[in-house]
Amino acid sequence: MPRILGVDPGSRKTGFGIIELDGKRISHVVNGRLMVGDGEFADRLKQIFDGLTDLISRYQPEIMVVEQVFLHKNADSALKLGQARGAAICAAVNQQLQVHEFTATQIKKAVVGNGHASKTQIQFMMSVMLKLPEPPVEDAADALACALTYANHQSLGTNIQRLPEGMRTSRRGGRYSR
């Protein structure tokens, strides 16, 4: 029964969600968000790394799934998001987790059926699909959606994009090659 950690990285709030996959049965383990506040940026990255390291140690997932960075209108925001994502990936790799990624469109399409779904739709679907008593907060819902996208691709046997050692991107579709 693999446990899958979904992460929605952010430089002030990082959402997380852990699900467990037992054949085709998916169950919710935990979700929430790491609040890293307004301190020095390097300190916030360390809090993301330490917080996720603690979650990984506590809940023992084998796989982490994270959303690919998309280009923001604001370059500074995109850089900070990329660095927060890097801190999350380093925490996972440091704990020997497999790391997979999907685009925001792939995630929304997998869990809502619409690649341009709203945050509210994702929250609603996470509460329905995981039988939660109430919708999770936005960041946690996005993280759970990452994990569920991986689980859906696993059950369908679809090719999953993984961050390999010594990764290089090809020019077609942003896929990684060795």
C-alpha atoms as a PDB file:
ATOM      1  CA  MET A   1       0.000   0.000   0.000  1.00  0.00           C
ATOM      2  CA  PRO A   2       1.998   2.988  -1.163  1.00  0.00           C
ATOM      3  CA  ARG A   3       1.477   6.327   0.516  1.00  0.00           C
ATOM      4  CA  ILE A   4       1.584   9.325  -1.759  1.00  0.00           C
ATOM      5  CA  LEU A   5       2.462  12.831  -0.602  1.00  0.00           C
ATOM      6  CA  GLY A   6       1.096  15.647  -2.729  1.00  0.00           C
ATOM      7  CA  VAL A   7       2.664  19.072  -2.297  1.00  0.00           C
ATOM      8  CA  ASP A   8       1.449  22.502  -3.398  1.00  0.00           C
ATOM      9  CA  PRO A   9       4.553  24.619  -2.767  1.00  0.00           C
ATOM     10  CA  GLY A  10       4.378  28.281  -1.903  1.00  0.00           C
ATOM     11  CA  SER A  11       6.841  30.695  -0.323  1.00  0.00           C
ATOM     12  CA  ARG A  12       4.389  31.599   2.479  1.00  0.00           C
ATOM     13  CA  LYS A  13       2.027  28.589   2.585  1.00  0.00           C
ATOM     14  CA  THR A  14       2.845  25.093   1.366  1.00  0.00           C
ATOM     15  CA  GLY A  15      -0.069  22.702   1.097  1.00  0.00           C
ATOM     16  CA  PHE A  16       0.335  18.990   1.702  1.00  0.00           C
ATOM     17  CA  GLY A  17      -1.885  15.965   1.433  1.00  0.00           C
ATOM     18  CA  ILE A  18      -1.157  12.290   1.941  1.00  0.00           C
ATOM     19  CA  ILE A  19      -3.271   9.480   0.546  1.00  0.00           C
ATOM     20  CA  GLU A  20      -2.834   5.728   0.636  1.00  0.00           C
ATOM     21  CA  LEU A  21      -3.334   3.551  -2.406  1.00  0.00           C
ATOM     22  CA  ASP A  22      -4.531  -0.034  -1.880  1.00  0.00           C
ATOM     23  CA  GLY A  23      -5.140  -1.499  -5.311  1.00  0.00           C
ATOM     24  CA  LYS A  24      -7.839   0.758  -6.718  1.00  0.00           C
ATOM     25  CA  ARG A  25      -8.973   1.927  -3.279  1.00  0.00           C
ATOM     26  CA  ILE A  26      -7.732   5.347  -2.207  1.00  0.00           C
ATOM     27  CA  SER A  27      -7.940   6.585   1.363  1.00  0.00           C
ATOM     28  CA  HIS A  28      -7.120   9.920   2.970  1.00  0.00           C
ATOM     29  CA  VAL A  29      -4.335   9.962   5.560  1.00  0.00           C
ATOM     30  CA  VAL A  30      -3.767  13.644   6.380  1.00  0.00           C
ATOM     31  CA  ASN A  31      -3.787  17.100   4.804  1.00  0.00           C
ATOM     32  CA  GLY A  32      -2.966  20.653   5.802  1.00  0.00           C
ATOM     33  CA  ARG A  33      -0.519  23.398   5.141  1.00  0.00           C
ATOM     34  CA  LEU A  34       2.809  24.576   6.416  1.00  0.00           C
ATOM     35  CA  MET A  35       2.580  28.257   7.316  1.00  0.00           C
ATOM     36  CA  VAL A  36       6.045  29.722   6.887  1.00  0.00           C
ATOM     37  CA  GLY A  37       5.151  33.380   7.378  1.00  0.00           C
ATOM     38  CA  ASP A  38       6.908  36.546   6.334  1.00  0.00           C
ATOM     39  CA  GLY A  39      10.465  36.071   7.592  1.00  0.00           C
ATOM     40  CA  GLU A  40      13.648  36.064   5.556  1.00  0.00           C
ATOM     41  CA  PHE A  41      13.193  34.128   2.335  1.00  0.00           C
ATOM     42  CA  ALA A  42      16.047  31.693   3.029  1.00  0.00           C
ATOM     43  CA  ASP A  43      14.513  30.937   6.446  1.00  0.00           C
ATOM     44  CA  ARG A  44      11.138  30.239   4.815  1.00  0.00           C
ATOM     45  CA  LEU A  45      12.768  27.775   2.403  1.00  0.00           C
ATOM     46  CA  LYS A  46      14.380  26.018   5.370  1.00  0.00           C
ATOM     47  CA  GLN A  47      10.981  25.834   7.101  1.00  0.00           C
ATOM     48  CA  ILE A  48       9.489  24.202   3.983  1.00  0.00           C
ATOM     49  CA  PHE A  49      12.356  21.706   3.843  1.00  0.00           C
ATOM     50  CA  ASP A  50      12.183  20.951   7.594  1.00  0.00           C
ATOM     51  CA  GLY A  51       8.374  20.793   7.695  1.00  0.00           C
ATOM     52  CA  LEU A  52       8.158  18.359   4.796  1.00  0.00           C
ATOM     53  CA  THR A  53      11.049  16.314   6.180  1.00  0.00           C
ATOM     54  CA  ASP A  54       9.103  15.987   9.446  1.00  0.00           C
ATOM     55  CA  LEU A  55       5.905  14.979   7.593  1.00  0.00           C
ATOM     56  CA  ILE A  56       7.805  12.395   5.570  1.00  0.00           C
ATOM     57  CA  SER A  57       9.396  10.947   8.704  1.00  0.00           C
ATOM     58  CA  ARG A  58       6.051  10.853  10.526  1.00  0.00           C
ATOM     59  CA  TYR A  59       3.806   9.435   7.764  1.00  0.00           C
ATOM     60  CA  GLN A  60       6.335   7.458   5.663  1.00  0.00           C
ATOM     61  CA  PRO A  61       5.118   8.142   2.104  1.00  0.00           C
ATOM     62  CA  GLU A  62       7.090   6.485  -0.691  1.00  0.00           C
ATOM     63  CA  ILE A  63       6.205   8.964  -3.430  1.00  0.00           C
ATOM     64  CA  MET A  64       5.924  12.738  -3.657  1.00  0.00           C
ATOM     65  CA  VAL A  65       3.948  14.480  -6.389  1.00  0.00           C
ATOM     66  CA  VAL A  66       4.353  18.171  -7.086  1.00  0.00           C
ATOM     67  CA  GLU A  67       2.894  20.559  -9.620  1.00  0.00           C
ATOM     68  CA  GLN A  68       5.207  21.786 -12.384  1.00  0.00           C
ATOM     69  CA  VAL A  69       6.044  25.466 -12.248  1.00  0.00           C
ATOM     70  CA  PHE A  70       4.142  27.531 -14.760  1.00  0.00           C
ATOM     71  CA  LEU A  71       5.259  30.934 -15.954  1.00  0.00           C
ATOM     72  CA  HIS A  72       3.718  33.703 -13.872  1.00  0.00           C
ATOM     73  CA  LYS A  73       3.197  37.212 -15.176  1.00  0.00           C
ATOM     74  CA  ASN A  74       5.458  38.323 -12.344  1.00  0.00           C
ATOM     75  CA  ALA A  75       8.959  36.876 -12.777  1.00  0.00           C
ATOM     76  CA  ASP A  76       9.845  37.429  -9.104  1.00  0.00           C
ATOM     77  CA  SER A  77       6.831  35.362  -8.000  1.00  0.00           C
ATOM     78  CA  ALA A  78       7.758  32.580 -10.423  1.00  0.00           C
ATOM     79  CA  LEU A  79      11.321  32.485  -9.092  1.00  0.00           C
ATOM     80  CA  LYS A  80      10.147  32.326  -5.469  1.00  0.00           C
ATOM     81  CA  LEU A  81       7.648  29.586  -6.319  1.00  0.00           C
ATOM     82  CA  GLY A  82      10.391  27.637  -8.100  1.00  0.00           C
ATOM     83  CA  GLN A  83      12.656  27.928  -5.088  1.00  0.00           C
ATOM     84  CA  ALA A  84       9.898  26.771  -2.717  1.00  0.00           C
ATOM     85  CA  ARG A  85       9.284  23.850  -5.067  1.00  0.00           C
ATOM     86  CA  GLY A  86      13.013  23.092  -5.028  1.00  0.00           C
ATOM     87  CA  ALA A  87      13.045  23.022  -1.212  1.00  0.00           C
ATOM     88  CA  ALA A  88      10.119  20.567  -1.292  1.00  0.00           C
ATOM     89  CA  ILE A  89      11.788  18.339  -3.879  1.00  0.00           C
ATOM     90  CA  CYS A  90      15.052  18.355  -1.917  1.00  0.00           C
ATOM     91  CA  ALA A  91      13.203  17.293   1.242  1.00  0.00           C
ATOM     92  CA  ALA A  92      11.654  14.368  -0.646  1.00  0.00           C
ATOM     93  CA  VAL A  93      14.829  13.275  -2.407  1.00  0.00           C
ATOM     94  CA  ASN A  94      16.775  13.579   0.854  1.00  0.00           C
ATOM     95  CA  GLN A  95      14.329  11.028   2.352  1.00  0.00           C
ATOM     96  CA  GLN A  96      14.640   8.704  -0.709  1.00  0.00           C
ATOM     97  CA  LEU A  97      11.138   9.369  -2.070  1.00  0.00           C
ATOM     98  CA  GLN A  98      10.330   9.034  -5.747  1.00  0.00           C
ATOM     99  CA  VAL A  99       9.334  12.437  -7.119  1.00  0.00           C
ATOM    100  CA  HIS A 100       6.763  12.879  -9.881  1.00  0.00           C
ATOM    101  CA  GLU A 101       5.240  15.973 -11.403  1.00  0.00           C
ATOM    102  CA  PHE A 102       2.208  17.048 -13.399  1.00  0.00           C
ATOM    103  CA  THR A 103       1.094  20.308 -14.937  1.00  0.00           C
ATOM    104  CA  ALA A 104      -1.732  22.269 -13.326  1.00  0.00           C
ATOM    105  CA  THR A 105      -3.912  21.438 -16.341  1.00  0.00           C
ATOM    106  CA  GLN A 106      -3.241  17.688 -16.001  1.00  0.00           C
ATOM    107  CA  ILE A 107      -4.095  17.798 -12.301  1.00  0.00           C
ATOM    108  CA  LYS A 108      -7.325  19.763 -12.767  1.00  0.00           C
ATOM    109  CA  LYS A 109      -8.411  17.532 -15.636  1.00  0.00           C
ATOM    110  CA  ALA A 110      -7.677  14.368 -13.625  1.00  0.00           C
ATOM    111  CA  VAL A 111      -9.675  15.378 -10.562  1.00  0.00           C
ATOM    112  CA  VAL A 112     -12.390  17.675 -11.930  1.00  0.00           C
ATOM    113  CA  GLY A 113     -12.556  16.735 -15.613  1.00  0.00           C
ATOM    114  CA  ASN A 114     -11.784  20.292 -16.674  1.00  0.00           C
ATOM    115  CA  GLY A 115      -8.218  21.550 -17.141  1.00  0.00           C
ATOM    116  CA  HIS A 116      -9.310  25.061 -16.167  1.00  0.00           C
ATOM    117  CA  ALA A 117     -11.228  24.180 -12.992  1.00  0.00           C
ATOM    118  CA  SER A 118     -11.452  26.699 -10.168  1.00  0.00           C
ATOM    119  CA  LYS A 119      -9.942  26.314  -6.706  1.00  0.00           C
ATOM    120  CA  THR A 120     -13.455  25.883  -5.297  1.00  0.00           C
ATOM    121  CA  GLN A 121     -14.168  23.008  -7.701  1.00  0.00           C
ATOM    122  CA  ILE A 122     -10.930  21.278  -6.669  1.00  0.00           C
ATOM    123  CA  GLN A 123     -11.780  21.694  -2.978  1.00  0.00           C
ATOM    124  CA  PHE A 124     -15.245  20.255  -3.540  1.00  0.00           C
ATOM    125  CA  MET A 125     -13.965  17.273  -5.543  1.00  0.00           C
ATOM    126  CA  MET A 126     -11.324  16.452  -2.930  1.00  0.00           C
ATOM    127  CA  SER A 127     -13.981  16.356  -0.210  1.00  0.00           C
ATOM    128  CA  VAL A 128     -16.208  14.113  -2.367  1.00  0.00           C
ATOM    129  CA  MET A 129     -13.501  11.784  -3.716  1.00  0.00           C
ATOM    130  CA  LEU A 130     -11.822  11.304  -0.336  1.00  0.00           C
ATOM    131  CA  LYS A 131     -15.064  11.369   1.700  1.00  0.00           C
ATOM    132  CA  LEU A 132     -13.855  14.255   3.853  1.00  0.00           C
ATOM    133  CA  PRO A 133     -16.285  15.881   6.300  1.00  0.00           C
ATOM    134  CA  GLU A 134     -15.581  19.316   4.788  1.00  0.00           C
ATOM    135  CA  PRO A 135     -13.565  20.708   1.878  1.00  0.00           C
ATOM    136  CA  PRO A 136      -9.862  21.133   2.663  1.00  0.00           C
ATOM    137  CA  VAL A 137      -8.244  24.580   2.503  1.00  0.00           C
ATOM    138  CA  GLU A 138      -7.108  25.583  -1.011  1.00  0.00           C
ATOM    139  CA  ASP A 139      -3.432  24.677  -0.615  1.00  0.00           C
ATOM    140  CA  ALA A 140      -4.210  21.294   0.922  1.00  0.00           C
ATOM    141  CA  ALA A 141      -6.858  20.579  -1.738  1.00  0.00           C
ATOM    142  CA  ASP A 142      -4.326  21.304  -4.489  1.00  0.00           C
ATOM    143  CA  ALA A 143      -1.806  19.014  -2.789  1.00  0.00           C
ATOM    144  CA  LEU A 144      -4.375  16.208  -2.461  1.00  0.00           C
ATOM    145  CA  ALA A 145      -5.251  16.719  -6.132  1.00  0.00           C
ATOM    146  CA  CYS A 146      -1.564  16.196  -7.031  1.00  0.00           C
ATOM    147  CA  ALA A 147      -1.504  12.919  -5.098  1.00  0.00           C
ATOM    148  CA  LEU A 148      -4.818  11.756  -6.608  1.00  0.00           C
ATOM    149  CA  THR A 149      -3.591  12.535 -10.116  1.00  0.00           C
ATOM    150  CA  TYR A 150      -0.666  10.194  -9.555  1.00  0.00           C
ATOM    151  CA  ALA A 151      -2.983   7.515  -8.136  1.00  0.00           C
ATOM    152  CA  ASN A 152      -5.321   7.866 -11.142  1.00  0.00           C
ATOM    153  CA  HIS A 153      -2.438   7.549 -13.581  1.00  0.00           C
ATOM    154  CA  GLN A 154      -1.169   4.491 -11.682  1.00  0.00           C
ATOM    155  CA  SER A 155      -4.536   2.746 -11.843  1.00  0.00           C
ATOM    156  CA  LEU A 156      -4.854   3.545 -15.555  1.00  0.00           C
ATOM    157  CA  GLY A 157      -1.296   2.417 -16.253  1.00  0.00           C
ATOM    158  CA  THR A 158      -0.428   5.718 -17.936  1.00  0.00           C
ATOM    159  CA  ASN A 159       3.098   6.936 -18.379  1.00  0.00           C
ATOM    160  CA  ILE A 160       4.024   9.139 -15.409  1.00  0.00           C
ATOM    161  CA  GLN A 161       6.564  11.900 -15.596  1.00  0.00           C
ATOM    162  CA  ARG A 162       9.295  11.411 -13.005  1.00  0.00           C
ATOM    163  CA  LEU A 163      12.229  13.617 -12.100  1.00  0.00           C
ATOM    164  CA  PRO A 164      15.183  11.386 -12.984  1.00  0.00           C
ATOM    165  CA  GLU A 165      18.760  11.662 -11.797  1.00  0.00           C
ATOM    166  CA  GLY A 166      20.714  14.119 -13.927  1.00  0.00           C
ATOM    167  CA  MET A 167      17.516  15.366 -15.540  1.00  0.00           C
ATOM    168  CA  ARG A 168      17.472  17.176 -18.858  1.00  0.00           C
ATOM    169  CA  THR A 169      14.417  18.486 -20.611  1.00  0.00           C
ATOM    170  CA  SER A 170      13.652  17.742 -24.209  1.00  0.00           C
ATOM    171  CA  ARG A 171      12.033  20.360 -26.394  1.00  0.00           C
ATOM    172  CA  ARG A 172       8.854  18.327 -26.885  1.00  0.00           C
ATOM    173  CA  GLY A 173       6.192  18.784 -24.242  1.00  0.00           C
ATOM    174  CA  GLY A 174       8.596  19.561 -21.402  1.00  0.00           C
ATOM    175  CA  ARG A 175       9.210  15.846 -20.842  1.00  0.00           C
ATOM    176  CA  TYR A 176      12.396  14.803 -19.157  1.00  0.00           C
ATOM    177  CA  SER A 177      14.961  12.619 -20.851  1.00  0.00           C
ATOM    178  CA  ARG A 178      18.170  10.989 -19.705  1.00  0.00           C
END
